[in-house]
Amino acid sequence: YGIFIENSQILLQKQPQTGLWHPPGTRLAASDTPTQVIRHYFRQLVGLTPVIGSLLFVEDQYFLDEARRAWKLSAMYYGLERPLTTATALTEDENASQTEWVPLGNLQREQFQFGYEAVQAGKLQQNL
């Protein structure tokens, strides 16, 4: 997942079933690297390839698949920055419809599906 903060706002996605926020991201395939997947995902989502910063936070998540099997996943959150000469525009991707720039000052823990602690780590990294 990417923690993309700028101008006191963060790019977040809304989980359709619950209406709660989470940082944008996706699962890795066996042959993928985290930074490769983040670059590709954000290029599709906002039309730019972000500069990948440091790993900010790692947390365990639990997932129930279609066959009702439970999986334990490790979620990794990386700080992202805009390349110097690039503008951001949400694309027509289906994930973009649930993606918004949200003011950091308005966010509370209970508004998050997951990733709140990672957002706090991103704010600390940027001294916000």
Protein backbone atom coordinates (compact mmCIF):
# COMPACT_ATOMS: atom_id res chain seq x y z
CA TYR A 1 0.00 0.00 0.00
CA GLY A 2 1.09 3.58 -0.65
CA ILE A 3 0.87 6.48 1.77
CA PHE A 4 0.68 9.46 -0.60
CA ILE A 5 0.46 12.72 1.39
CA GLU A 6 0.79 16.22 -0.02
CA ASN A 7 -0.71 19.63 0.76
CA SER A 8 -2.15 18.30 4.06
CA GLN A 9 -4.21 15.72 2.14
CA ILE A 10 -3.86 11.98 1.64
CA LEU A 11 -4.95 9.82 -1.25
CA LEU A 12 -7.35 7.17 0.10
CA GLN A 13 -9.80 4.62 -1.25
CA LYS A 14 -13.25 3.92 0.15
CA GLN A 15 -14.19 0.28 0.75
CA PRO A 16 -17.55 -0.06 -1.11
CA GLN A 17 -19.27 -2.41 1.35
CA THR A 18 -18.42 -0.49 4.53
CA GLY A 19 -17.79 3.06 3.31
CA LEU A 20 -14.54 3.12 5.32
CA TRP A 21 -11.17 4.42 4.09
CA HIS A 22 -7.92 2.58 3.39
CA PRO A 23 -4.68 3.48 1.60
CA PRO A 24 -4.54 2.49 -2.08
CA GLY A 25 -2.80 -0.78 -2.84
CA THR A 26 -3.19 -4.36 -3.97
CA ARG A 27 -1.84 -7.88 -3.40
CA LEU A 28 1.44 -9.14 -4.75
CA ALA A 29 1.83 -12.10 -7.07
CA ALA A 30 4.59 -14.58 -6.24
CA SER A 31 6.99 -13.03 -8.77
CA ASP A 32 6.30 -9.37 -7.86
CA THR A 33 8.24 -6.99 -5.68
CA PRO A 34 6.37 -4.49 -3.47
CA THR A 35 7.87 -1.42 -5.15
CA GLN A 36 7.13 -2.79 -8.64
CA VAL A 37 3.47 -3.39 -7.76
CA ILE A 38 3.04 0.02 -6.09
CA ARG A 39 4.51 1.84 -9.09
CA HIS A 40 2.26 -0.04 -11.51
CA TYR A 41 -0.88 0.31 -9.36
CA PHE A 42 -0.44 4.07 -8.84
CA ARG A 43 0.38 4.61 -12.52
CA GLN A 44 -3.01 3.04 -13.35
CA LEU A 45 -4.81 4.88 -10.54
CA VAL A 46 -3.49 8.45 -10.81
CA GLY A 47 -1.51 8.48 -14.03
CA LEU A 48 1.95 8.89 -12.49
CA THR A 49 4.71 6.64 -11.30
CA PRO A 50 5.46 7.70 -7.71
CA VAL A 51 8.85 7.91 -6.10
CA ILE A 52 8.89 5.08 -3.54
CA GLY A 53 10.16 6.14 -0.14
CA SER A 54 10.81 4.11 2.95
CA LEU A 55 8.75 1.31 4.40
CA LEU A 56 6.58 3.09 6.99
CA PHE A 57 4.58 0.34 8.63
CA VAL A 58 3.81 -3.40 8.46
CA GLU A 59 0.68 -5.02 9.87
CA ASP A 60 -1.03 -8.41 9.74
CA GLN A 61 -4.37 -8.66 7.97
CA TYR A 62 -6.75 -11.59 7.74
CA PHE A 63 -8.62 -12.39 4.56
CA LEU A 64 -11.44 -14.85 3.79
CA ASP A 65 -11.44 -15.93 0.12
CA GLU A 66 -14.35 -17.13 -2.04
CA ALA A 67 -13.80 -20.75 -0.92
CA ARG A 68 -14.15 -19.55 2.71
CA ARG A 69 -10.45 -20.23 3.41
CA ALA A 70 -8.75 -17.86 5.85
CA TRP A 71 -5.41 -16.28 4.94
CA LYS A 72 -3.01 -14.26 7.02
CA LEU A 73 -1.41 -11.48 4.98
CA SER A 74 1.33 -8.99 5.80
CA ALA A 75 0.40 -5.50 4.64
CA MET A 76 3.37 -3.25 3.84
CA TYR A 77 2.92 0.51 3.64
CA TYR A 78 5.43 2.66 1.77
CA GLY A 79 5.75 6.43 1.74
CA LEU A 80 5.22 7.88 -1.73
CA GLU A 81 6.18 11.16 -3.32
CA ARG A 82 5.26 12.84 -6.56
CA PRO A 83 8.00 13.00 -9.20
CA LEU A 84 9.15 16.62 -9.49
CA THR A 85 7.50 17.56 -12.81
CA THR A 86 4.29 15.53 -12.74
CA ALA A 87 0.63 16.38 -12.18
CA THR A 88 -1.84 13.94 -10.62
CA ALA A 89 -5.22 13.15 -12.16
CA LEU A 90 -7.39 10.22 -11.17
CA THR A 91 -7.91 7.91 -14.15
CA GLU A 92 -11.04 6.10 -15.32
CA ASP A 93 -9.93 2.88 -13.60
CA GLU A 94 -12.71 1.22 -11.54
CA ASN A 95 -10.59 1.71 -8.39
CA ALA A 96 -10.30 5.43 -9.11
CA SER A 97 -14.05 5.86 -8.61
CA GLN A 98 -13.53 5.01 -4.93
CA THR A 99 -10.34 7.13 -4.61
CA GLU A 100 -10.22 10.67 -3.18
CA TRP A 101 -7.85 13.23 -1.74
CA VAL A 102 -8.97 13.53 1.89
CA PRO A 103 -7.89 16.31 4.29
CA LEU A 104 -5.66 14.85 7.01
CA GLY A 105 -7.22 17.03 9.69
CA ASN A 106 -10.65 15.39 9.23
CA LEU A 107 -9.57 11.77 9.65
CA GLN A 108 -10.32 9.64 12.71
CA ARG A 109 -9.43 5.99 13.41
CA GLU A 110 -13.07 4.86 13.21
CA GLN A 111 -13.25 6.07 9.59
CA PHE A 112 -10.66 3.47 8.47
CA GLN A 113 -11.16 -0.10 7.29
CA PHE A 114 -7.39 -0.52 7.81
CA GLY A 115 -4.19 1.49 7.50
CA TYR A 116 -4.78 4.19 10.11
CA GLU A 117 -1.48 3.51 11.89
CA ALA A 118 0.36 3.63 8.55
CA VAL A 119 -1.18 7.04 7.83
CA GLN A 120 0.02 8.23 11.23
CA ALA A 121 3.53 6.93 10.40
CA GLY A 122 3.38 8.85 7.11
CA LYS A 123 2.39 12.03 8.93
CA LEU A 124 5.28 11.58 11.35
CA GLN A 125 7.72 11.07 8.49
CA GLN A 126 6.60 14.35 6.94
CA ASN A 127 6.55 16.13 10.33
CA LEU A 128 2.81 16.88 10.08
